[in-house]
Structures are given as C-alpha cells and as structure tokens.
Amino acid sequence: MTTFSNLINSNQPVLVDFFAEWCGPCKQLAPVLKEISSQVNGKARIIKVDIDKNPTAAAKYNVQSVPTLIIFKNGEIKWRQSGALPKQQLLEIISRFY
C-alpha cells in the first residue's frame, strides 16, 4: 500500500485536492481533476483527501477552506491555492513541475 507520505515524497509532482463531501465547489472540481489526471497520465498524480475523514492531514498542511489544492514534489510544497481553478490553468500549473 502506498502511503500519503510516500506519494508526496516522490520526484513526480502530486496534486493533492483537499476537499469535503458537503463542498459545492469541490463537487464541481472533481470531474475537472479526473480529466486532468488522464491528460497528465504518468507525468503527475492527482489524489483527493477528504478533510472530514483525514483531519490530521488537513491540520498538518493548515487547510482552512476547501477546496485547497497543493502540489508536492520530493516532499516539498511547490504550489498552493485555495479555491477551484479552470482546467487549463491547472494543467499549466502542474506542467511547470514535471
């Protein structure tokens, strides 16, 4: 089993979507992230972390609103944004890190 720690310490960029089931913008972002995931296949990973089920991870990264998107590479935060972004803008941001 791959742990969260193993994923974010990878030299492959990992976009983490901190979300909540009750969050409207998070629901709108989900299909966008699915599309992006298929487009960056192999170059970056996208994972979702439910802040209600993983409060420790949310607290560790000081997630105070959802969605919060964080890109990790080699265990370091390379980029962070609270709020949803358009697909093209997210693709451009992710591509900076591979």
C-alpha atoms as a PDB file:
ATOM      1  CA  MET A   1       0.000   0.000   0.000  1.00  0.00           C
ATOM      2  CA  THR A   2       1.314   3.429  -0.916  1.00  0.00           C
ATOM      3  CA  THR A   3       1.054   5.933   1.904  1.00  0.00           C
ATOM      4  CA  PHE A   4       0.346   9.637   1.589  1.00  0.00           C
ATOM      5  CA  SER A   5       3.894  10.315   2.756  1.00  0.00           C
ATOM      6  CA  ASN A   6       5.354   8.045   0.046  1.00  0.00           C
ATOM      7  CA  LEU A   7       3.260   9.754  -2.621  1.00  0.00           C
ATOM      8  CA  ILE A   8       4.226  13.325  -1.743  1.00  0.00           C
ATOM      9  CA  ASN A   9       7.901  12.407  -1.358  1.00  0.00           C
ATOM     10  CA  SER A  10       8.003  11.162  -4.943  1.00  0.00           C
ATOM     11  CA  ASN A  11      10.012  13.064  -7.563  1.00  0.00           C
ATOM     12  CA  GLN A  12       6.812  13.018  -9.629  1.00  0.00           C
ATOM     13  CA  PRO A  13       4.577  16.039  -8.892  1.00  0.00           C
ATOM     14  CA  VAL A  14       1.490  15.184  -6.852  1.00  0.00           C
ATOM     15  CA  LEU A  15      -1.528  17.473  -6.835  1.00  0.00           C
ATOM     16  CA  VAL A  16      -3.463  16.940  -3.617  1.00  0.00           C
ATOM     17  CA  ASP A  17      -7.072  18.076  -3.599  1.00  0.00           C
ATOM     18  CA  PHE A  18      -8.171  18.647  -0.002  1.00  0.00           C
ATOM     19  CA  PHE A  19     -11.961  18.508  -0.269  1.00  0.00           C
ATOM     20  CA  ALA A  20     -15.168  17.784   1.638  1.00  0.00           C
ATOM     21  CA  GLU A  21     -18.308  15.932   0.558  1.00  0.00           C
ATOM     22  CA  TRP A  22     -20.501  18.910   1.547  1.00  0.00           C
ATOM     23  CA  CYS A  23     -18.481  21.415  -0.525  1.00  0.00           C
ATOM     24  CA  GLY A  24     -20.177  22.631  -3.733  1.00  0.00           C
ATOM     25  CA  PRO A  25     -17.035  23.931  -5.492  1.00  0.00           C
ATOM     26  CA  CYS A  26     -15.284  20.636  -4.610  1.00  0.00           C
ATOM     27  CA  LYS A  27     -18.002  18.701  -6.441  1.00  0.00           C
ATOM     28  CA  GLN A  28     -17.586  20.960  -9.487  1.00  0.00           C
ATOM     29  CA  LEU A  29     -13.818  20.463  -9.402  1.00  0.00           C
ATOM     30  CA  ALA A  30     -13.959  16.636  -9.238  1.00  0.00           C
ATOM     31  CA  PRO A  31     -14.679  15.978 -12.972  1.00  0.00           C
ATOM     32  CA  VAL A  32     -12.079  18.607 -13.942  1.00  0.00           C
ATOM     33  CA  LEU A  33      -9.441  16.805 -11.884  1.00  0.00           C
ATOM     34  CA  LYS A  34     -10.456  13.487 -13.465  1.00  0.00           C
ATOM     35  CA  GLU A  35      -9.876  14.951 -16.947  1.00  0.00           C
ATOM     36  CA  ILE A  36      -6.553  16.475 -15.909  1.00  0.00           C
ATOM     37  CA  SER A  37      -5.473  13.166 -14.403  1.00  0.00           C
ATOM     38  CA  SER A  38      -5.964  11.388 -17.736  1.00  0.00           C
ATOM     39  CA  GLN A  39      -4.135  14.180 -19.597  1.00  0.00           C
ATOM     40  CA  VAL A  40      -1.057  14.181 -17.324  1.00  0.00           C
ATOM     41  CA  ASN A  41      -1.057  10.391 -17.073  1.00  0.00           C
ATOM     42  CA  GLY A  42       2.369   9.258 -15.921  1.00  0.00           C
ATOM     43  CA  LYS A  43       3.816  12.770 -15.531  1.00  0.00           C
ATOM     44  CA  ALA A  44       1.931  13.748 -12.380  1.00  0.00           C
ATOM     45  CA  ARG A  45      -0.504  12.212  -9.923  1.00  0.00           C
ATOM     46  CA  ILE A  46      -3.696  13.645  -8.535  1.00  0.00           C
ATOM     47  CA  ILE A  47      -5.044  12.459  -5.217  1.00  0.00           C
ATOM     48  CA  LYS A  48      -8.041  13.538  -3.191  1.00  0.00           C
ATOM     49  CA  VAL A  49      -8.022  13.896   0.592  1.00  0.00           C
ATOM     50  CA  ASP A  50     -11.355  14.245   2.392  1.00  0.00           C
ATOM     51  CA  ILE A  51     -10.691  16.672   5.250  1.00  0.00           C
ATOM     52  CA  ASP A  52     -13.542  15.217   7.326  1.00  0.00           C
ATOM     53  CA  LYS A  53     -12.049  11.711   7.115  1.00  0.00           C
ATOM     54  CA  ASN A  54      -8.418  12.902   7.379  1.00  0.00           C
ATOM     55  CA  PRO A  55      -8.423  15.834   9.821  1.00  0.00           C
ATOM     56  CA  THR A  56      -4.768  15.194  10.743  1.00  0.00           C
ATOM     57  CA  ALA A  57      -3.569  15.733   7.166  1.00  0.00           C
ATOM     58  CA  ALA A  58      -5.754  18.830   6.844  1.00  0.00           C
ATOM     59  CA  ALA A  59      -4.350  20.240  10.089  1.00  0.00           C
ATOM     60  CA  LYS A  60      -0.749  19.387   9.163  1.00  0.00           C
ATOM     61  CA  TYR A  61      -0.997  21.435   5.967  1.00  0.00           C
ATOM     62  CA  ASN A  62      -3.123  24.172   7.560  1.00  0.00           C
ATOM     63  CA  VAL A  63      -6.090  23.597   5.251  1.00  0.00           C
ATOM     64  CA  GLN A  64      -8.700  26.111   6.375  1.00  0.00           C
ATOM     65  CA  SER A  65     -11.007  26.154   3.364  1.00  0.00           C
ATOM     66  CA  VAL A  66     -11.963  23.689   0.670  1.00  0.00           C
ATOM     67  CA  PRO A  67     -11.064  23.012  -1.975  1.00  0.00           C
ATOM     68  CA  THR A  68      -7.396  23.594  -1.232  1.00  0.00           C
ATOM     69  CA  LEU A  69      -5.005  22.350  -3.896  1.00  0.00           C
ATOM     70  CA  ILE A  70      -1.353  21.686  -3.061  1.00  0.00           C
ATOM     71  CA  ILE A  71       1.341  20.406  -5.400  1.00  0.00           C
ATOM     72  CA  PHE A  72       4.082  18.398  -3.706  1.00  0.00           C
ATOM     73  CA  LYS A  73       7.333  17.237  -5.254  1.00  0.00           C
ATOM     74  CA  ASN A  74      10.086  15.462  -3.298  1.00  0.00           C
ATOM     75  CA  GLY A  75       8.086  16.127  -0.129  1.00  0.00           C
ATOM     76  CA  GLU A  76       8.091  19.901  -0.594  1.00  0.00           C
ATOM     77  CA  ILE A  77       5.107  22.153  -1.235  1.00  0.00           C
ATOM     78  CA  LYS A  78       5.741  23.674  -4.655  1.00  0.00           C
ATOM     79  CA  TRP A  79       2.409  25.436  -5.142  1.00  0.00           C
ATOM     80  CA  ARG A  80      -0.745  26.034  -3.138  1.00  0.00           C
ATOM     81  CA  GLN A  81      -4.163  27.536  -3.878  1.00  0.00           C
ATOM     82  CA  SER A  82      -7.476  27.671  -2.067  1.00  0.00           C
ATOM     83  CA  GLY A  83     -10.479  27.596  -4.350  1.00  0.00           C
ATOM     84  CA  ALA A  84     -11.188  25.948  -7.676  1.00  0.00           C
ATOM     85  CA  LEU A  85      -9.345  26.911 -10.852  1.00  0.00           C
ATOM     86  CA  PRO A  86     -10.220  26.382 -14.534  1.00  0.00           C
ATOM     87  CA  LYS A  87      -8.896  23.177 -16.109  1.00  0.00           C
ATOM     88  CA  GLN A  88      -6.455  24.883 -18.491  1.00  0.00           C
ATOM     89  CA  GLN A  89      -4.924  26.959 -15.709  1.00  0.00           C
ATOM     90  CA  LEU A  90      -4.469  23.873 -13.516  1.00  0.00           C
ATOM     91  CA  LEU A  91      -2.852  21.961 -16.397  1.00  0.00           C
ATOM     92  CA  GLU A  92      -0.382  24.801 -16.943  1.00  0.00           C
ATOM     93  CA  ILE A  93       0.489  24.957 -13.245  1.00  0.00           C
ATOM     94  CA  ILE A  94       1.008  21.184 -12.948  1.00  0.00           C
ATOM     95  CA  SER A  95       3.142  21.092 -16.112  1.00  0.00           C
ATOM     96  CA  ARG A  96       5.639  23.515 -14.510  1.00  0.00           C
ATOM     97  CA  PHE A  97       6.704  20.759 -12.134  1.00  0.00           C
ATOM     98  CA  TYR A  98       7.398  17.784 -14.426  1.00  0.00           C
END
